[in-house]
Amino acid sequence: MFQRGARQTMTQDLAVSGSMAHTDCMTPAEPSAHRGTMRKNWRNRIRLFLKTNPSKSILHLMQNRSYRPSTDDVNQWAQSLDKLLGHKYGKTVFCAFLKSEFCEENIEFWNVCEDFRSLKSQKERVSKASKIYEEFIKNEAPKEINLDFKTRNAITQSLQEPSATTFQAAQQKVHSLMENNSYPRFIQSELYKELCAAARGESRHI
């Protein structure tokens, strides 16, 4: 009886540790069984995202050779995150990949920060800064990003008179998070391998 109980306890402990093994894009409470389903169905979610976002869809690009990224383009995406984000097609694909991992808020925040820095009107900055704060920064925001208290507080203090650099520190932290976590997974993913094959005209999947 004791051995049976011990084995049962060990099984429970392994289940708990397995459910906490991958936390950078999911909440710790998410079951490990769901993570397995997520990985299994990543391609379906990416295709659904692309099909339901026609303005950003890349499916038609893959069907037209004149619009496909070249092999050099796709190879450059593996050189750095900045190379990937600097290519319109590459950034769209990376956004789809992050959506499949349920952490698209990072790239969305990075994008809005790029737009925010280009604003010239102070009135526009005040309005846009408030929207970014409500959507990404404040506690329990709909797309809350992972920030330390100091960075979050600095943004809060500057909302009345925001400057072009109000979100710079936060954007850099999110960039670092993507660079160290999601980006390496993207480069190792089946999606990226298929994109490389598609650029060479060898893939039938995308």
N, C-alpha and C. Protein backbone atom coordinates (compact mmCIF):
# COMPACT_ATOMS: atom_id res chain seq x y z
N MET A 1 0.83 -1.21 0.00
CA MET A 1 0.00 0.00 0.00
C MET A 1 0.86 1.25 0.00
N PHE A 2 1.92 1.24 0.80
CA PHE A 2 2.80 2.41 0.88
C PHE A 2 3.48 2.66 -0.46
N GLN A 3 3.98 1.59 -1.11
CA GLN A 3 4.66 1.75 -2.39
C GLN A 3 3.70 2.29 -3.45
N ARG A 4 2.48 1.79 -3.43
CA ARG A 4 1.50 2.28 -4.39
C ARG A 4 1.23 3.77 -4.19
N GLY A 5 1.12 4.18 -2.92
CA GLY A 5 0.89 5.60 -2.62
C GLY A 5 2.07 6.45 -3.04
N ALA A 6 3.28 5.92 -2.83
CA ALA A 6 4.48 6.68 -3.20
C ALA A 6 4.55 6.87 -4.70
N ARG A 7 4.22 5.79 -5.46
CA ARG A 7 4.24 5.91 -6.92
C ARG A 7 3.22 6.92 -7.40
N GLN A 8 2.05 6.93 -6.76
CA GLN A 8 1.00 7.87 -7.13
C GLN A 8 1.45 9.30 -6.88
N THR A 9 2.12 9.52 -5.72
CA THR A 9 2.62 10.86 -5.40
C THR A 9 3.68 11.30 -6.40
N MET A 10 4.58 10.38 -6.78
CA MET A 10 5.63 10.70 -7.74
C MET A 10 5.02 11.07 -9.08
N THR A 11 3.99 10.33 -9.50
CA THR A 11 3.32 10.62 -10.77
C THR A 11 2.72 12.01 -10.75
N GLN A 12 2.10 12.37 -9.62
CA GLN A 12 1.50 13.69 -9.49
C GLN A 12 2.56 14.78 -9.54
N ASP A 13 3.71 14.53 -8.88
CA ASP A 13 4.80 15.52 -8.89
C ASP A 13 5.34 15.73 -10.29
N LEU A 14 5.48 14.65 -11.05
CA LEU A 14 5.98 14.77 -12.42
C LEU A 14 4.99 15.53 -13.28
N ALA A 15 3.71 15.32 -13.06
CA ALA A 15 2.70 16.03 -13.84
C ALA A 15 2.76 17.52 -13.57
N VAL A 16 2.96 17.88 -12.29
CA VAL A 16 3.06 19.28 -11.91
C VAL A 16 4.28 19.92 -12.53
N SER A 17 5.45 19.24 -12.42
CA SER A 17 6.68 19.82 -12.98
C SER A 17 6.58 19.94 -14.48
N GLY A 18 5.92 18.98 -15.16
CA GLY A 18 5.76 19.07 -16.60
C GLY A 18 4.91 20.25 -17.01
N SER A 19 3.89 20.56 -16.20
CA SER A 19 2.99 21.66 -16.54
C SER A 19 3.65 23.01 -16.38
N MET A 20 4.83 23.06 -15.70
CA MET A 20 5.50 24.34 -15.47
C MET A 20 6.76 24.48 -16.33
N ALA A 21 6.95 23.58 -17.27
CA ALA A 21 8.21 23.55 -18.01
C ALA A 21 8.33 24.63 -19.06
N HIS A 22 7.21 25.22 -19.50
CA HIS A 22 7.27 26.16 -20.62
C HIS A 22 6.39 27.34 -20.28
N THR A 23 6.96 28.43 -19.79
CA THR A 23 6.15 29.50 -19.20
C THR A 23 6.32 30.85 -19.85
N ASP A 24 7.22 31.03 -20.83
CA ASP A 24 7.47 32.37 -21.32
C ASP A 24 6.35 32.92 -22.18
N CYS A 25 5.48 32.07 -22.76
CA CYS A 25 4.38 32.55 -23.58
C CYS A 25 3.01 32.10 -23.07
N MET A 26 2.98 31.36 -21.96
CA MET A 26 1.72 30.85 -21.44
C MET A 26 1.69 31.04 -19.93
N THR A 27 0.49 31.05 -19.40
CA THR A 27 0.36 31.17 -17.96
C THR A 27 0.79 29.87 -17.31
N PRO A 28 1.38 29.92 -16.11
CA PRO A 28 1.84 28.70 -15.44
C PRO A 28 0.75 27.69 -15.19
N ALA A 29 -0.51 28.15 -15.12
CA ALA A 29 -1.61 27.25 -14.80
C ALA A 29 -2.09 26.45 -16.00
N GLU A 30 -1.55 26.75 -17.19
CA GLU A 30 -2.04 26.06 -18.38
C GLU A 30 -1.62 24.60 -18.36
N PRO A 31 -2.55 23.64 -18.56
CA PRO A 31 -2.23 22.21 -18.46
C PRO A 31 -1.25 21.77 -19.53
N SER A 32 -0.41 20.79 -19.17
CA SER A 32 0.57 20.28 -20.12
C SER A 32 -0.12 19.62 -21.30
N ALA A 33 -1.28 18.99 -21.09
CA ALA A 33 -2.00 18.35 -22.19
C ALA A 33 -2.39 19.38 -23.23
N HIS A 34 -2.76 20.57 -22.77
CA HIS A 34 -3.13 21.63 -23.70
C HIS A 34 -1.92 22.10 -24.50
N ARG A 35 -0.75 22.12 -23.85
CA ARG A 35 0.47 22.53 -24.56
C ARG A 35 0.77 21.56 -25.69
N GLY A 36 0.53 20.25 -25.42
CA GLY A 36 0.77 19.27 -26.47
C GLY A 36 -0.17 19.50 -27.65
N THR A 37 -1.43 19.80 -27.35
CA THR A 37 -2.41 20.08 -28.40
C THR A 37 -2.02 21.34 -29.16
N MET A 38 -1.52 22.35 -28.40
CA MET A 38 -1.11 23.61 -29.03
C MET A 38 -0.03 23.38 -30.05
N ARG A 39 1.01 22.58 -29.65
CA ARG A 39 2.12 22.33 -30.57
C ARG A 39 1.66 21.52 -31.77
N LYS A 40 0.74 20.57 -31.54
CA LYS A 40 0.26 19.71 -32.61
C LYS A 40 -0.50 20.49 -33.66
N ASN A 41 -1.23 21.51 -33.22
CA ASN A 41 -2.11 22.24 -34.13
C ASN A 41 -1.57 23.61 -34.52
N TRP A 42 -0.27 23.85 -34.34
CA TRP A 42 0.26 25.20 -34.61
C TRP A 42 0.04 25.62 -36.05
N ARG A 43 0.20 24.68 -37.00
CA ARG A 43 0.06 25.06 -38.40
C ARG A 43 -1.38 25.45 -38.72
N ASN A 44 -2.35 24.75 -38.13
CA ASN A 44 -3.75 25.08 -38.37
C ASN A 44 -4.08 26.48 -37.86
N ARG A 45 -3.54 26.83 -36.69
CA ARG A 45 -3.80 28.16 -36.14
C ARG A 45 -3.16 29.25 -36.98
N ILE A 46 -1.94 29.00 -37.47
CA ILE A 46 -1.26 29.98 -38.31
C ILE A 46 -2.05 30.20 -39.59
N ARG A 47 -2.50 29.11 -40.22
CA ARG A 47 -3.26 29.25 -41.46
C ARG A 47 -4.58 29.96 -41.21
N LEU A 48 -5.24 29.66 -40.08
CA LEU A 48 -6.49 30.33 -39.75
C LEU A 48 -6.25 31.82 -39.56
N PHE A 49 -5.15 32.17 -38.86
CA PHE A 49 -4.83 33.57 -38.65
C PHE A 49 -4.62 34.29 -39.98
N LEU A 50 -3.89 33.66 -40.88
CA LEU A 50 -3.60 34.27 -42.17
C LEU A 50 -4.86 34.42 -43.02
N LYS A 51 -5.72 33.40 -42.97
CA LYS A 51 -6.93 33.44 -43.78
C LYS A 51 -7.95 34.44 -43.24
N THR A 52 -7.97 34.64 -41.93
CA THR A 52 -8.94 35.56 -41.33
C THR A 52 -8.40 36.97 -41.20
N ASN A 53 -7.18 37.22 -41.68
CA ASN A 53 -6.59 38.56 -41.71
C ASN A 53 -6.12 38.85 -43.13
N PRO A 54 -7.08 39.06 -44.06
CA PRO A 54 -6.72 39.20 -45.46
C PRO A 54 -5.76 40.35 -45.74
N SER A 55 -5.81 41.41 -44.94
CA SER A 55 -4.90 42.53 -45.18
C SER A 55 -3.46 42.14 -44.89
N LYS A 56 -3.28 41.11 -44.06
CA LYS A 56 -1.94 40.67 -43.70
C LYS A 56 -1.61 39.30 -44.31
N SER A 57 -2.57 38.75 -45.07
CA SER A 57 -2.39 37.38 -45.55
C SER A 57 -1.16 37.25 -46.43
N ILE A 58 -0.44 36.14 -46.22
CA ILE A 58 0.73 35.86 -47.05
C ILE A 58 0.50 34.67 -47.96
N LEU A 59 -0.68 34.06 -47.86
CA LEU A 59 -0.92 32.86 -48.66
C LEU A 59 -0.85 33.16 -50.15
N HIS A 60 -1.43 34.29 -50.57
CA HIS A 60 -1.42 34.62 -51.99
C HIS A 60 -0.02 34.96 -52.46
N LEU A 61 0.81 35.45 -51.55
CA LEU A 61 2.19 35.76 -51.93
C LEU A 61 2.96 34.49 -52.24
N MET A 62 2.70 33.44 -51.48
CA MET A 62 3.41 32.20 -51.69
C MET A 62 3.00 31.54 -53.00
N GLN A 63 1.82 31.90 -53.52
CA GLN A 63 1.34 31.32 -54.76
C GLN A 63 1.83 32.10 -55.99
N ASN A 64 2.46 33.23 -55.74
CA ASN A 64 2.94 34.06 -56.83
C ASN A 64 4.44 34.27 -56.67
N ARG A 65 5.23 33.66 -57.54
CA ARG A 65 6.67 33.68 -57.37
C ARG A 65 7.25 35.09 -57.37
N SER A 66 6.61 35.99 -58.11
CA SER A 66 7.16 37.34 -58.20
C SER A 66 7.08 38.08 -56.87
N TYR A 67 6.22 37.60 -55.94
CA TYR A 67 6.08 38.25 -54.65
C TYR A 67 6.71 37.47 -53.51
N ARG A 68 7.21 36.27 -53.80
CA ARG A 68 7.81 35.47 -52.75
C ARG A 68 9.11 36.09 -52.27
N PRO A 69 9.40 35.97 -50.97
CA PRO A 69 10.73 36.38 -50.52
C PRO A 69 11.76 35.45 -51.13
N SER A 70 12.90 35.99 -51.45
CA SER A 70 13.95 35.18 -52.05
C SER A 70 14.58 34.27 -51.01
N THR A 71 15.37 33.32 -51.47
CA THR A 71 16.09 32.46 -50.54
C THR A 71 17.01 33.29 -49.66
N ASP A 72 17.64 34.32 -50.22
CA ASP A 72 18.50 35.21 -49.44
C ASP A 72 17.71 35.92 -48.35
N ASP A 73 16.50 36.38 -48.70
CA ASP A 73 15.65 37.06 -47.70
C ASP A 73 15.40 36.15 -46.51
N VAL A 74 14.94 34.93 -46.80
CA VAL A 74 14.58 33.99 -45.74
C VAL A 74 15.80 33.58 -44.93
N ASN A 75 16.94 33.42 -45.59
CA ASN A 75 18.18 33.09 -44.87
C ASN A 75 18.60 34.22 -43.94
N GLN A 76 18.38 35.46 -44.37
CA GLN A 76 18.75 36.60 -43.54
C GLN A 76 17.91 36.68 -42.27
N TRP A 77 16.68 36.16 -42.33
CA TRP A 77 15.83 36.18 -41.13
C TRP A 77 16.47 35.40 -39.99
N ALA A 78 17.31 34.41 -40.34
CA ALA A 78 17.96 33.60 -39.32
C ALA A 78 19.20 34.28 -38.75
N GLN A 79 19.61 35.42 -39.32
CA GLN A 79 20.81 36.10 -38.84
C GLN A 79 20.54 36.91 -37.57
N SER A 80 19.35 37.51 -37.49
CA SER A 80 19.02 38.29 -36.30
C SER A 80 17.53 38.60 -36.29
N LEU A 81 17.02 38.91 -35.12
CA LEU A 81 15.62 39.31 -35.00
C LEU A 81 15.37 40.60 -35.76
N ASP A 82 16.34 41.53 -35.74
CA ASP A 82 16.17 42.80 -36.44
C ASP A 82 16.04 42.59 -37.95
N LYS A 83 16.78 41.62 -38.49
CA LYS A 83 16.66 41.31 -39.91
C LYS A 83 15.24 40.83 -40.22
N LEU A 84 14.71 40.02 -39.32
CA LEU A 84 13.36 39.48 -39.50
C LEU A 84 12.32 40.59 -39.42
N LEU A 85 12.42 41.43 -38.40
CA LEU A 85 11.44 42.49 -38.20
C LEU A 85 11.55 43.57 -39.26
N GLY A 86 12.73 43.69 -39.88
CA GLY A 86 12.94 44.70 -40.91
C GLY A 86 12.39 44.30 -42.26
N HIS A 87 11.89 43.08 -42.38
CA HIS A 87 11.33 42.59 -43.64
C HIS A 87 9.82 42.46 -43.46
N LYS A 88 9.06 43.15 -44.28
CA LYS A 88 7.60 43.20 -44.10
C LYS A 88 6.98 41.81 -44.06
N TYR A 89 7.37 40.96 -45.02
CA TYR A 89 6.84 39.60 -45.08
C TYR A 89 7.29 38.80 -43.85
N GLY A 90 8.57 38.93 -43.51
CA GLY A 90 9.10 38.20 -42.36
C GLY A 90 8.40 38.57 -41.07
N LYS A 91 8.14 39.86 -40.89
CA LYS A 91 7.46 40.31 -39.67
C LYS A 91 6.03 39.76 -39.59
N THR A 92 5.37 39.67 -40.75
CA THR A 92 4.01 39.11 -40.78
C THR A 92 4.01 37.64 -40.39
N VAL A 93 4.97 36.90 -40.91
CA VAL A 93 5.07 35.48 -40.58
C VAL A 93 5.40 35.29 -39.10
N PHE A 94 6.31 36.10 -38.58
CA PHE A 94 6.68 36.01 -37.17
C PHE A 94 5.48 36.33 -36.28
N CYS A 95 4.68 37.31 -36.70
CA CYS A 95 3.46 37.64 -35.95
C CYS A 95 2.52 36.44 -35.92
N ALA A 96 2.39 35.75 -37.05
CA ALA A 96 1.54 34.55 -37.10
C ALA A 96 2.08 33.47 -36.18
N PHE A 97 3.41 33.32 -36.16
CA PHE A 97 4.03 32.33 -35.29
C PHE A 97 3.77 32.65 -33.81
N LEU A 98 3.92 33.91 -33.43
CA LEU A 98 3.67 34.31 -32.04
C LEU A 98 2.21 34.09 -31.67
N LYS A 99 1.33 34.33 -32.63
CA LYS A 99 -0.09 34.10 -32.37
C LYS A 99 -0.34 32.62 -32.10
N SER A 100 0.38 31.75 -32.81
CA SER A 100 0.23 30.32 -32.59
C SER A 100 0.75 29.91 -31.22
N GLU A 101 1.63 30.73 -30.62
CA GLU A 101 2.16 30.46 -29.29
C GLU A 101 1.44 31.27 -28.21
N PHE A 102 0.41 31.98 -28.60
CA PHE A 102 -0.40 32.77 -27.67
C PHE A 102 0.40 33.88 -26.98
N CYS A 103 1.37 34.48 -27.68
CA CYS A 103 2.08 35.62 -27.10
C CYS A 103 2.28 36.71 -28.14
N GLU A 104 1.26 36.92 -28.96
CA GLU A 104 1.37 37.94 -30.01
C GLU A 104 1.38 39.36 -29.46
N GLU A 105 1.04 39.52 -28.16
CA GLU A 105 1.05 40.86 -27.58
C GLU A 105 2.44 41.49 -27.65
N ASN A 106 3.49 40.67 -27.66
CA ASN A 106 4.85 41.21 -27.71
C ASN A 106 5.13 41.92 -29.02
N ILE A 107 4.84 41.27 -30.14
CA ILE A 107 5.09 41.89 -31.44
C ILE A 107 4.11 43.03 -31.68
N GLU A 108 2.89 42.91 -31.19
CA GLU A 108 1.92 43.98 -31.35
C GLU A 108 2.38 45.23 -30.60
N PHE A 109 2.90 45.04 -29.38
CA PHE A 109 3.41 46.18 -28.62
C PHE A 109 4.61 46.79 -29.33
N TRP A 110 5.52 45.95 -29.82
CA TRP A 110 6.69 46.45 -30.54
C TRP A 110 6.26 47.30 -31.73
N ASN A 111 5.25 46.85 -32.45
CA ASN A 111 4.76 47.58 -33.62
C ASN A 111 4.17 48.93 -33.25
N VAL A 112 3.34 48.96 -32.20
CA VAL A 112 2.72 50.24 -31.83
C VAL A 112 3.76 51.22 -31.31
N CYS A 113 4.83 50.70 -30.70
CA CYS A 113 5.91 51.58 -30.24
C CYS A 113 6.64 52.19 -31.44
N GLU A 114 6.83 51.42 -32.49
CA GLU A 114 7.43 51.95 -33.72
C GLU A 114 6.57 53.07 -34.29
N ASP A 115 5.25 52.86 -34.32
CA ASP A 115 4.34 53.89 -34.82
C ASP A 115 4.36 55.11 -33.91
N PHE A 116 4.40 54.88 -32.59
CA PHE A 116 4.36 55.98 -31.63
C PHE A 116 5.58 56.89 -31.80
N ARG A 117 6.74 56.33 -32.02
CA ARG A 117 7.97 57.11 -32.15
C ARG A 117 7.94 58.04 -33.36
N SER A 118 7.12 57.70 -34.34
CA SER A 118 7.05 58.52 -35.55
C SER A 118 6.07 59.68 -35.45
N LEU A 119 5.29 59.73 -34.36
CA LEU A 119 4.31 60.80 -34.20
C LEU A 119 5.01 62.14 -33.97
N LYS A 120 4.48 63.18 -34.60
CA LYS A 120 5.07 64.53 -34.47
C LYS A 120 4.23 65.45 -33.58
N SER A 121 2.94 65.23 -33.58
CA SER A 121 2.03 66.08 -32.80
C SER A 121 1.97 65.62 -31.35
N GLN A 122 2.13 66.57 -30.42
CA GLN A 122 2.05 66.23 -29.01
C GLN A 122 0.65 65.77 -28.63
N LYS A 123 -0.35 66.36 -29.27
CA LYS A 123 -1.73 65.96 -29.01
C LYS A 123 -1.92 64.50 -29.40
N GLU A 124 -1.36 64.10 -30.52
CA GLU A 124 -1.46 62.71 -30.96
C GLU A 124 -0.71 61.79 -30.01
N ARG A 125 0.43 62.26 -29.52
CA ARG A 125 1.22 61.45 -28.59
C ARG A 125 0.44 61.18 -27.30
N VAL A 126 -0.19 62.21 -26.77
CA VAL A 126 -0.95 62.05 -25.52
C VAL A 126 -2.06 61.02 -25.71
N SER A 127 -2.79 61.16 -26.81
CA SER A 127 -3.90 60.24 -27.09
C SER A 127 -3.40 58.81 -27.31
N LYS A 128 -2.34 58.67 -28.12
CA LYS A 128 -1.81 57.35 -28.43
C LYS A 128 -1.17 56.71 -27.21
N ALA A 129 -0.45 57.50 -26.41
CA ALA A 129 0.20 56.96 -25.21
C ALA A 129 -0.83 56.39 -24.25
N SER A 130 -1.94 57.09 -24.11
CA SER A 130 -3.00 56.63 -23.22
C SER A 130 -3.57 55.29 -23.71
N LYS A 131 -3.77 55.16 -25.01
CA LYS A 131 -4.31 53.92 -25.57
C LYS A 131 -3.33 52.77 -25.39
N ILE A 132 -2.04 53.04 -25.60
CA ILE A 132 -1.02 51.99 -25.43
C ILE A 132 -0.97 51.55 -23.97
N TYR A 133 -1.05 52.52 -23.06
CA TYR A 133 -1.04 52.21 -21.63
C TYR A 133 -2.22 51.31 -21.26
N GLU A 134 -3.41 51.68 -21.75
CA GLU A 134 -4.61 50.93 -21.41
C GLU A 134 -4.59 49.51 -21.99
N GLU A 135 -3.98 49.35 -23.16
CA GLU A 135 -4.01 48.07 -23.84
C GLU A 135 -2.88 47.14 -23.43
N PHE A 136 -1.68 47.72 -23.11
CA PHE A 136 -0.51 46.88 -22.90
C PHE A 136 0.19 47.04 -21.54
N ILE A 137 0.07 48.18 -20.90
CA ILE A 137 0.95 48.50 -19.77
C ILE A 137 0.31 48.31 -18.40
N LYS A 138 -0.89 48.83 -18.20
CA LYS A 138 -1.47 48.81 -16.86
C LYS A 138 -1.71 47.38 -16.38
N ASN A 139 -1.79 47.22 -15.08
CA ASN A 139 -2.07 45.91 -14.50
C ASN A 139 -3.39 45.35 -15.02
N GLU A 140 -3.36 44.10 -15.46
CA GLU A 140 -4.52 43.41 -16.00
C GLU A 140 -5.03 44.04 -17.29
N ALA A 141 -4.14 44.68 -18.04
CA ALA A 141 -4.50 45.20 -19.37
C ALA A 141 -4.86 44.03 -20.27
N PRO A 142 -5.70 44.24 -21.28
CA PRO A 142 -6.12 43.15 -22.17
C PRO A 142 -4.94 42.40 -22.80
N LYS A 143 -3.86 43.12 -23.12
CA LYS A 143 -2.68 42.51 -23.73
C LYS A 143 -1.44 42.86 -22.91
N GLU A 144 -1.57 42.73 -21.62
CA GLU A 144 -0.49 43.14 -20.71
C GLU A 144 0.83 42.44 -21.04
N ILE A 145 1.89 43.24 -21.16
CA ILE A 145 3.21 42.70 -21.41
C ILE A 145 3.98 42.59 -20.11
N ASN A 146 5.02 41.81 -20.10
CA ASN A 146 5.79 41.54 -18.90
C ASN A 146 6.84 42.63 -18.67
N LEU A 147 6.58 43.52 -17.71
CA LEU A 147 7.48 44.62 -17.41
C LEU A 147 7.76 44.68 -15.91
N ASP A 148 8.95 45.15 -15.55
CA ASP A 148 9.27 45.35 -14.15
C ASP A 148 8.59 46.62 -13.65
N PHE A 149 8.51 46.77 -12.33
CA PHE A 149 7.81 47.90 -11.73
C PHE A 149 8.42 49.24 -12.14
N LYS A 150 9.73 49.32 -12.16
CA LYS A 150 10.41 50.58 -12.48
C LYS A 150 10.04 51.08 -13.88
N THR A 151 10.07 50.19 -14.85
CA THR A 151 9.75 50.58 -16.23
C THR A 151 8.28 50.95 -16.35
N ARG A 152 7.43 50.15 -15.73
CA ARG A 152 5.99 50.43 -15.79
C ARG A 152 5.66 51.76 -15.12
N ASN A 153 6.28 52.02 -13.99
CA ASN A 153 6.02 53.25 -13.26
C ASN A 153 6.51 54.47 -14.02
N ALA A 154 7.65 54.37 -14.69
CA ALA A 154 8.18 55.48 -15.47
C ALA A 154 7.22 55.86 -16.60
N ILE A 155 6.62 54.86 -17.21
CA ILE A 155 5.65 55.13 -18.28
C ILE A 155 4.43 55.83 -17.70
N THR A 156 3.95 55.33 -16.56
CA THR A 156 2.78 55.92 -15.92
C THR A 156 3.00 57.39 -15.59
N GLN A 157 4.20 57.70 -15.10
CA GLN A 157 4.53 59.07 -14.71
C GLN A 157 4.63 60.02 -15.91
N SER A 158 4.90 59.48 -17.08
CA SER A 158 5.12 60.33 -18.25
C SER A 158 3.89 60.49 -19.14
N LEU A 159 2.76 59.91 -18.75
CA LEU A 159 1.58 59.92 -19.62
C LEU A 159 1.02 61.32 -19.85
N GLN A 160 1.19 62.22 -18.91
CA GLN A 160 0.68 63.57 -19.09
C GLN A 160 1.45 64.35 -20.15
N GLU A 161 2.76 64.11 -20.20
CA GLU A 161 3.63 64.77 -21.18
C GLU A 161 4.52 63.74 -21.86
N PRO A 162 3.95 62.86 -22.63
CA PRO A 162 4.75 61.80 -23.26
C PRO A 162 5.69 62.35 -24.33
N SER A 163 6.84 61.72 -24.44
CA SER A 163 7.81 62.09 -25.48
C SER A 163 7.97 60.90 -26.42
N ALA A 164 8.77 61.08 -27.45
CA ALA A 164 9.00 60.01 -28.42
C ALA A 164 9.65 58.79 -27.78
N THR A 165 10.29 58.99 -26.62
CA THR A 165 11.01 57.89 -25.96
C THR A 165 10.25 57.32 -24.76
N THR A 166 8.99 57.69 -24.60
CA THR A 166 8.22 57.23 -23.45
C THR A 166 8.20 55.70 -23.31
N PHE A 167 8.07 55.00 -24.42
CA PHE A 167 7.97 53.54 -24.39
C PHE A 167 9.26 52.86 -24.82
N GLN A 168 10.33 53.62 -24.95
CA GLN A 168 11.57 53.06 -25.48
C GLN A 168 12.12 51.93 -24.63
N ALA A 169 12.20 52.15 -23.31
CA ALA A 169 12.75 51.12 -22.41
C ALA A 169 11.89 49.86 -22.45
N ALA A 170 10.57 50.04 -22.46
CA ALA A 170 9.66 48.89 -22.50
C ALA A 170 9.80 48.16 -23.83
N GLN A 171 9.93 48.89 -24.91
CA GLN A 171 10.09 48.27 -26.22
C GLN A 171 11.38 47.46 -26.29
N GLN A 172 12.44 47.98 -25.70
CA GLN A 172 13.71 47.26 -25.68
C GLN A 172 13.60 45.97 -24.87
N LYS A 173 12.88 46.01 -23.78
CA LYS A 173 12.70 44.81 -22.95
C LYS A 173 11.90 43.74 -23.69
N VAL A 174 10.87 44.17 -24.41
CA VAL A 174 10.06 43.24 -25.18
C VAL A 174 10.88 42.67 -26.34
N HIS A 175 11.68 43.53 -26.96
CA HIS A 175 12.56 43.07 -28.04
C HIS A 175 13.51 41.99 -27.51
N SER A 176 14.09 42.23 -26.34
CA SER A 176 15.00 41.26 -25.74
C SER A 176 14.29 39.95 -25.42
N LEU A 177 13.05 40.05 -24.94
CA LEU A 177 12.27 38.86 -24.62
C LEU A 177 12.02 38.02 -25.86
N MET A 178 11.63 38.68 -26.94
CA MET A 178 11.39 37.96 -28.20
C MET A 178 12.70 37.38 -28.74
N GLU A 179 13.77 38.15 -28.64
CA GLU A 179 15.06 37.73 -29.18
C GLU A 179 15.59 36.48 -28.48
N ASN A 180 15.35 36.39 -27.18
CA ASN A 180 15.90 35.28 -26.39
C ASN A 180 14.96 34.08 -26.28
N ASN A 181 13.68 34.26 -26.60
CA ASN A 181 12.72 33.18 -26.41
C ASN A 181 12.00 32.79 -27.70
N SER A 182 11.11 33.64 -28.17
CA SER A 182 10.28 33.28 -29.32
C SER A 182 11.07 33.19 -30.61
N TYR A 183 12.01 34.11 -30.83
CA TYR A 183 12.76 34.12 -32.08
C TYR A 183 13.55 32.83 -32.31
N PRO A 184 14.31 32.33 -31.33
CA PRO A 184 15.02 31.06 -31.56
C PRO A 184 14.06 29.91 -31.87
N ARG A 185 12.89 29.88 -31.23
CA ARG A 185 11.92 28.83 -31.52
C ARG A 185 11.38 28.96 -32.93
N PHE A 186 11.19 30.20 -33.38
CA PHE A 186 10.72 30.42 -34.74
C PHE A 186 11.73 29.88 -35.76
N ILE A 187 13.01 30.19 -35.54
CA ILE A 187 14.04 29.76 -36.48
C ILE A 187 14.16 28.23 -36.52
N GLN A 188 13.85 27.57 -35.40
CA GLN A 188 13.92 26.12 -35.33
C GLN A 188 12.60 25.44 -35.71
N SER A 189 11.57 26.24 -35.97
CA SER A 189 10.23 25.68 -36.20
C SER A 189 10.07 25.07 -37.58
N GLU A 190 9.06 24.21 -37.69
CA GLU A 190 8.72 23.64 -38.99
C GLU A 190 8.23 24.72 -39.94
N LEU A 191 7.59 25.75 -39.40
CA LEU A 191 7.12 26.86 -40.24
C LEU A 191 8.28 27.51 -40.97
N TYR A 192 9.35 27.83 -40.24
CA TYR A 192 10.49 28.48 -40.88
C TYR A 192 11.13 27.55 -41.91
N LYS A 193 11.22 26.26 -41.60
CA LYS A 193 11.79 25.30 -42.54
C LYS A 193 10.96 25.23 -43.81
N GLU A 194 9.64 25.30 -43.65
CA GLU A 194 8.77 25.27 -44.82
C GLU A 194 8.90 26.55 -45.63
N LEU A 195 9.11 27.68 -44.94
CA LEU A 195 9.30 28.94 -45.64
C LEU A 195 10.59 28.93 -46.46
N CYS A 196 11.63 28.32 -45.89
CA CYS A 196 12.89 28.18 -46.63
C CYS A 196 12.67 27.34 -47.88
N ALA A 197 11.91 26.24 -47.71
CA ALA A 197 11.63 25.37 -48.85
C ALA A 197 10.77 26.09 -49.87
N ALA A 198 9.80 26.87 -49.39
CA ALA A 198 8.91 27.61 -50.30
C ALA A 198 9.70 28.63 -51.11
N ALA A 199 10.66 29.29 -50.47
CA ALA A 199 11.48 30.28 -51.17
C ALA A 199 12.30 29.61 -52.29
N ARG A 200 12.64 28.33 -52.07
CA ARG A 200 13.37 27.59 -53.10
C ARG A 200 12.43 26.93 -54.10
N GLY A 201 11.11 27.08 -53.86
CA GLY A 201 10.12 26.48 -54.75
C GLY A 201 9.94 25.01 -54.53
N GLU A 202 10.25 24.53 -53.33
CA GLU A 202 10.21 23.08 -53.06
C GLU A 202 9.05 22.67 -52.16
N SER A 203 8.36 23.63 -51.56
CA SER A 203 7.34 23.27 -50.57
C SER A 203 5.95 23.19 -51.17
N ARG A 204 5.16 22.24 -50.67
CA ARG A 204 3.77 22.12 -51.07
C ARG A 204 2.83 22.46 -49.93
N HIS A 205 3.41 22.79 -48.78
CA HIS A 205 2.59 22.97 -47.58
C HIS A 205 2.03 24.36 -47.47
N ILE A 206 2.78 25.39 -47.90
CA ILE A 206 2.34 26.78 -47.72
C ILE A 206 2.13 27.41 -49.08
